[in-house]
Amino acid sequence: MEDTTMNASPIQAVIFDVDGTLYQTEKVAVPAFRSAFQYMQEAGHYRGPIPSEDIIISCFGMTIPEVWETLLPDASMDIRDQANERVAQLEISLMEQGQGELYKGVKETLQSLSEQGIRLYTASNGEKRYVESVVETTGIASYFTKLFTAGEYKTKKKEDLVQLVLDHAGITNRNAVMVGDRKSDIIAGRANNLLTIGCDFGFAGQNELVEATVIIHSFSDVLPSLQKLRQLLTQKVK
């Protein structure tokens, strides 16, 4: 007999961050950033040290302008644009070579949610081409209703991007859940009155996810966590 527990859920949509939530970003981003900085050094566009892995990872979750304001604070916009383009090309090349990797349980969980009729969206501060490459090269593109990125919609704050998702989905905020690994994801969810799932297996620092409704330790925990949130939403309706 089919399990209809989740089908009865008031949760109609789940919004996912990408880097550090679905995707192990460091596998392509760290080598791409370091290679880009090495190229800029050799071209005479940059004279500082190549950023360490920790510094690069600390930028994950930022918008593109914030990344380059952090890594190239004294550079012109032209140099920043050149650096960003080179990083983007290198990341996509590495993905196409099979270097990128989802977190364990992502594909199976997304398939299960999709089969249950729950609409899936991304809300990423990255560029459209980057997120498209992530979902296409890892085989999860078909599970998503639509991809939302700050790069495409020019949003400065993730809460604005999440609001665009809700507007597109045409659902009330109580019927959607935000899932992410950074404080900005939790803030974005809370700002839109969403319940939130914080992923502590991503790039969050200590106590960064304390305001999440639920904190999970592996992506496979999304399904049971959504069941808990469904029960919480049902109780609120009564």
Protein backbone atom coordinates (compact mmCIF):
# COMPACT_ATOMS: atom_id res chain seq x y z
CA MET A 1 0.00 0.00 0.00
CA GLU A 2 1.29 3.47 -0.90
CA ASP A 3 2.49 5.61 1.99
CA THR A 4 0.38 8.78 1.89
CA THR A 5 1.80 10.38 5.01
CA MET A 6 3.86 12.96 3.15
CA ASN A 7 1.21 13.34 0.40
CA ALA A 8 -1.12 14.76 3.03
CA SER A 9 1.49 17.30 3.99
CA PRO A 10 0.66 21.01 3.81
CA ILE A 11 4.23 21.46 2.54
CA GLN A 12 3.90 22.19 -1.17
CA ALA A 13 7.42 23.39 -1.93
CA VAL A 14 10.96 23.07 -0.64
CA ILE A 15 13.56 25.72 -1.45
CA PHE A 16 17.19 24.60 -1.44
CA ASP A 17 20.42 26.50 -1.22
CA VAL A 18 22.99 24.84 -3.50
CA ASP A 19 26.56 25.25 -2.24
CA GLY A 20 27.14 23.32 0.97
CA THR A 21 23.57 22.02 0.91
CA LEU A 22 23.18 19.97 -2.25
CA TYR A 23 26.68 20.27 -3.64
CA GLN A 24 30.21 19.79 -2.28
CA THR A 25 31.32 23.09 -3.74
CA GLU A 26 34.92 22.98 -2.54
CA LYS A 27 35.72 20.15 -4.96
CA VAL A 28 35.45 22.52 -7.94
CA ALA A 29 35.54 26.00 -6.42
CA VAL A 30 38.81 25.79 -4.49
CA PRO A 31 40.92 24.63 -7.46
CA ALA A 32 39.11 27.06 -9.78
CA PHE A 33 39.74 30.08 -7.53
CA ARG A 34 43.35 29.18 -6.89
CA SER A 35 44.01 28.63 -10.59
CA ALA A 36 42.35 31.94 -11.46
CA PHE A 37 44.48 33.82 -8.93
CA GLN A 38 47.62 32.15 -10.24
CA TYR A 39 46.68 33.26 -13.75
CA MET A 40 46.09 36.83 -12.56
CA GLN A 41 49.48 36.84 -10.84
CA GLU A 42 51.19 35.70 -14.03
CA ALA A 43 49.28 38.29 -16.08
CA GLY A 44 50.31 41.04 -13.68
CA HIS A 45 46.75 41.80 -12.58
CA TYR A 46 47.26 40.66 -8.98
CA ARG A 47 50.30 40.87 -6.72
CA GLY A 48 48.99 39.47 -3.48
CA PRO A 49 49.09 35.89 -2.20
CA ILE A 50 46.83 33.20 -3.61
CA PRO A 51 43.92 32.83 -1.16
CA SER A 52 44.02 29.78 1.08
CA GLU A 53 41.36 27.10 0.95
CA ASP A 54 39.87 28.41 4.21
CA ILE A 55 39.58 31.95 2.83
CA ILE A 56 37.94 30.71 -0.36
CA ILE A 57 35.49 28.54 1.56
CA SER A 58 34.61 31.46 3.85
CA CYS A 59 33.19 33.21 0.77
CA PHE A 60 30.75 30.42 -0.07
CA GLY A 61 27.21 31.70 0.36
CA MET A 62 28.08 35.30 -0.52
CA THR A 63 26.71 37.04 -3.58
CA ILE A 64 29.16 37.40 -6.48
CA PRO A 65 29.85 41.11 -5.74
CA GLU A 66 30.49 40.26 -2.07
CA VAL A 67 32.94 37.51 -3.04
CA TRP A 68 35.13 39.84 -5.08
CA GLU A 69 34.83 42.70 -2.62
CA THR A 70 36.30 40.26 -0.10
CA LEU A 71 38.96 38.63 -2.27
CA LEU A 72 39.94 41.61 -4.44
CA PRO A 73 39.07 44.67 -2.33
CA ASP A 74 41.49 46.98 -4.14
CA ALA A 75 40.87 45.77 -7.68
CA SER A 76 38.91 47.59 -10.36
CA MET A 77 35.53 46.30 -11.48
CA ASP A 78 37.12 45.22 -14.76
CA ILE A 79 39.68 43.02 -12.97
CA ARG A 80 36.98 41.60 -10.73
CA ASP A 81 34.85 40.77 -13.77
CA GLN A 82 37.81 39.07 -15.45
CA ALA A 83 38.53 37.05 -12.32
CA ASN A 84 34.89 36.05 -11.95
CA GLU A 85 34.68 34.95 -15.58
CA ARG A 86 37.80 32.83 -15.29
CA VAL A 87 36.58 31.17 -12.09
CA ALA A 88 33.19 30.45 -13.66
CA GLN A 89 34.74 28.87 -16.72
CA LEU A 90 37.10 26.75 -14.64
CA GLU A 91 34.32 25.57 -12.30
CA ILE A 92 32.09 24.55 -15.19
CA SER A 93 35.00 22.78 -16.90
CA LEU A 94 35.74 20.82 -13.74
CA MET A 95 32.06 19.88 -13.39
CA GLU A 96 31.97 18.65 -16.97
CA GLN A 97 35.05 16.54 -16.20
CA GLY A 98 33.13 14.91 -13.35
CA GLN A 99 35.01 16.59 -10.51
CA GLY A 100 31.90 17.87 -8.73
CA GLU A 101 29.94 15.78 -6.26
CA LEU A 102 26.60 15.91 -4.48
CA TYR A 103 26.35 15.19 -0.77
CA LYS A 104 25.35 11.62 0.01
CA GLY A 105 21.60 11.08 -0.25
CA VAL A 106 20.79 14.18 -2.31
CA LYS A 107 19.60 12.47 -5.49
CA GLU A 108 17.50 9.88 -3.68
CA THR A 109 15.92 12.48 -1.41
CA LEU A 110 15.08 14.87 -4.25
CA GLN A 111 13.58 12.01 -6.25
CA SER A 112 11.40 11.01 -3.31
CA LEU A 113 10.16 14.57 -2.76
CA SER A 114 9.45 15.02 -6.46
CA GLU A 115 7.49 11.76 -6.59
CA GLN A 116 5.41 13.00 -3.66
CA GLY A 117 4.35 16.03 -5.71
CA ILE A 118 6.38 18.54 -3.72
CA ARG A 119 7.79 21.30 -5.93
CA LEU A 120 11.51 21.86 -5.59
CA TYR A 121 13.36 25.13 -6.17
CA THR A 122 16.86 26.49 -5.72
CA ALA A 123 17.67 29.84 -4.11
CA SER A 124 21.37 30.34 -4.70
CA ASN A 125 23.57 33.42 -4.51
CA GLY A 126 25.57 32.01 -7.42
CA GLU A 127 25.26 32.61 -11.14
CA LYS A 128 22.60 30.97 -13.30
CA ARG A 129 25.13 29.11 -15.48
CA TYR A 130 26.88 27.75 -12.39
CA VAL A 131 23.72 26.37 -10.81
CA GLU A 132 22.52 24.99 -14.13
CA SER A 133 25.85 23.19 -14.52
CA VAL A 134 25.59 21.77 -11.00
CA VAL A 135 22.16 20.24 -11.51
CA GLU A 136 22.84 19.08 -15.06
CA THR A 137 26.21 17.43 -14.45
CA THR A 138 24.98 15.66 -11.32
CA GLY A 139 21.74 14.40 -12.87
CA ILE A 140 19.25 16.21 -10.62
CA ALA A 141 17.92 18.89 -13.01
CA SER A 142 14.66 17.05 -13.70
CA TYR A 143 13.62 17.19 -10.04
CA PHE A 144 13.44 20.98 -9.92
CA THR A 145 10.47 23.08 -10.95
CA LYS A 146 12.65 26.15 -11.45
CA LEU A 147 16.13 27.40 -10.54
CA PHE A 148 16.39 30.79 -8.86
CA THR A 149 19.78 32.49 -8.61
CA ALA A 150 20.92 35.92 -7.47
CA GLY A 151 23.03 36.11 -10.60
CA GLU A 152 19.95 36.00 -12.82
CA TYR A 153 17.57 38.09 -10.72
CA LYS A 154 20.17 40.59 -9.43
CA THR A 155 19.01 40.25 -5.84
CA LYS A 156 21.33 41.63 -3.17
CA LYS A 157 19.85 39.64 -0.28
CA LYS A 158 18.76 36.02 -0.24
CA GLU A 159 15.49 36.90 1.46
CA ASP A 160 14.52 38.82 -1.68
CA LEU A 161 15.36 35.80 -3.84
CA VAL A 162 13.29 33.51 -1.63
CA GLN A 163 10.38 35.94 -1.92
CA LEU A 164 10.64 35.65 -5.71
CA VAL A 165 10.43 31.87 -5.39
CA LEU A 166 7.28 32.12 -3.29
CA ASP A 167 5.73 34.60 -5.71
CA HIS A 168 6.48 32.31 -8.64
CA ALA A 169 5.17 29.24 -6.84
CA GLY A 170 1.97 31.05 -5.93
CA ILE A 171 1.84 29.51 -2.49
CA THR A 172 1.60 30.94 0.99
CA ASN A 173 4.76 31.02 3.05
CA ARG A 174 3.40 28.47 5.53
CA ASN A 175 3.39 25.87 2.74
CA ALA A 176 7.11 26.04 1.95
CA VAL A 177 10.36 25.19 3.74
CA MET A 178 13.84 26.68 3.29
CA VAL A 179 16.86 24.35 3.44
CA GLY A 180 20.42 25.69 3.64
CA ASP A 181 23.80 25.55 5.33
CA ARG A 182 24.53 29.23 6.06
CA LYS A 183 23.04 31.81 8.39
CA SER A 184 21.92 33.79 5.34
CA ASP A 185 19.70 30.86 4.33
CA ILE A 186 18.06 30.74 7.73
CA ILE A 187 17.61 34.51 7.79
CA ALA A 188 16.07 34.37 4.32
CA GLY A 189 13.63 31.70 5.42
CA ARG A 190 12.67 33.44 8.63
CA ALA A 191 12.26 36.78 6.85
CA ASN A 192 9.65 35.11 4.67
CA ASN A 193 7.99 33.36 7.62
CA LEU A 194 9.18 29.93 6.52
CA LEU A 195 10.16 27.00 8.65
CA THR A 196 13.83 26.24 8.05
CA ILE A 197 16.19 23.27 7.96
CA GLY A 198 19.83 24.04 8.74
CA CYS A 199 22.46 21.73 7.23
CA ASP A 200 25.46 21.51 9.55
CA PHE A 201 27.40 19.28 7.13
CA GLY A 202 28.04 22.28 4.84
CA PHE A 203 30.10 25.40 5.42
CA ALA A 204 28.41 26.88 8.49
CA GLY A 205 30.55 28.12 11.35
CA GLN A 206 29.91 27.30 14.98
CA ASN A 207 26.42 28.32 16.14
CA GLU A 208 25.63 29.73 12.69
CA LEU A 209 22.44 27.68 12.38
CA VAL A 210 21.04 28.08 15.89
CA GLU A 211 17.92 29.90 14.63
CA ALA A 212 16.94 27.11 12.22
CA THR A 213 13.71 25.28 13.04
CA VAL A 214 15.52 21.95 12.62
CA ILE A 215 19.24 21.19 12.24
CA ILE A 216 20.29 18.10 10.31
CA HIS A 217 23.59 16.25 10.15
CA SER A 218 23.24 14.58 6.75
CA PHE A 219 21.13 15.33 3.70
CA SER A 220 19.16 12.12 4.15
CA ASP A 221 17.72 13.71 7.30
CA VAL A 222 15.66 16.07 5.10
CA LEU A 223 12.80 13.58 4.71
CA PRO A 224 12.21 12.85 8.42
CA SER A 225 12.70 16.54 9.20
CA LEU A 226 10.00 17.52 6.72
CA GLN A 227 7.71 15.03 8.42
CA LYS A 228 8.32 16.79 11.75
CA LEU A 229 7.67 20.17 10.14
CA ARG A 230 4.48 18.85 8.53
CA GLN A 231 3.23 17.84 11.97
CA LEU A 232 4.15 21.26 13.34
CA LEU A 233 2.27 23.02 10.54
CA THR A 234 -0.75 20.76 11.01
CA GLN A 235 -0.83 21.58 14.73
CA LYS A 236 -0.76 25.31 13.95
CA VAL A 237 -3.76 24.97 11.65
CA LYS A 238 -5.89 23.26 14.31
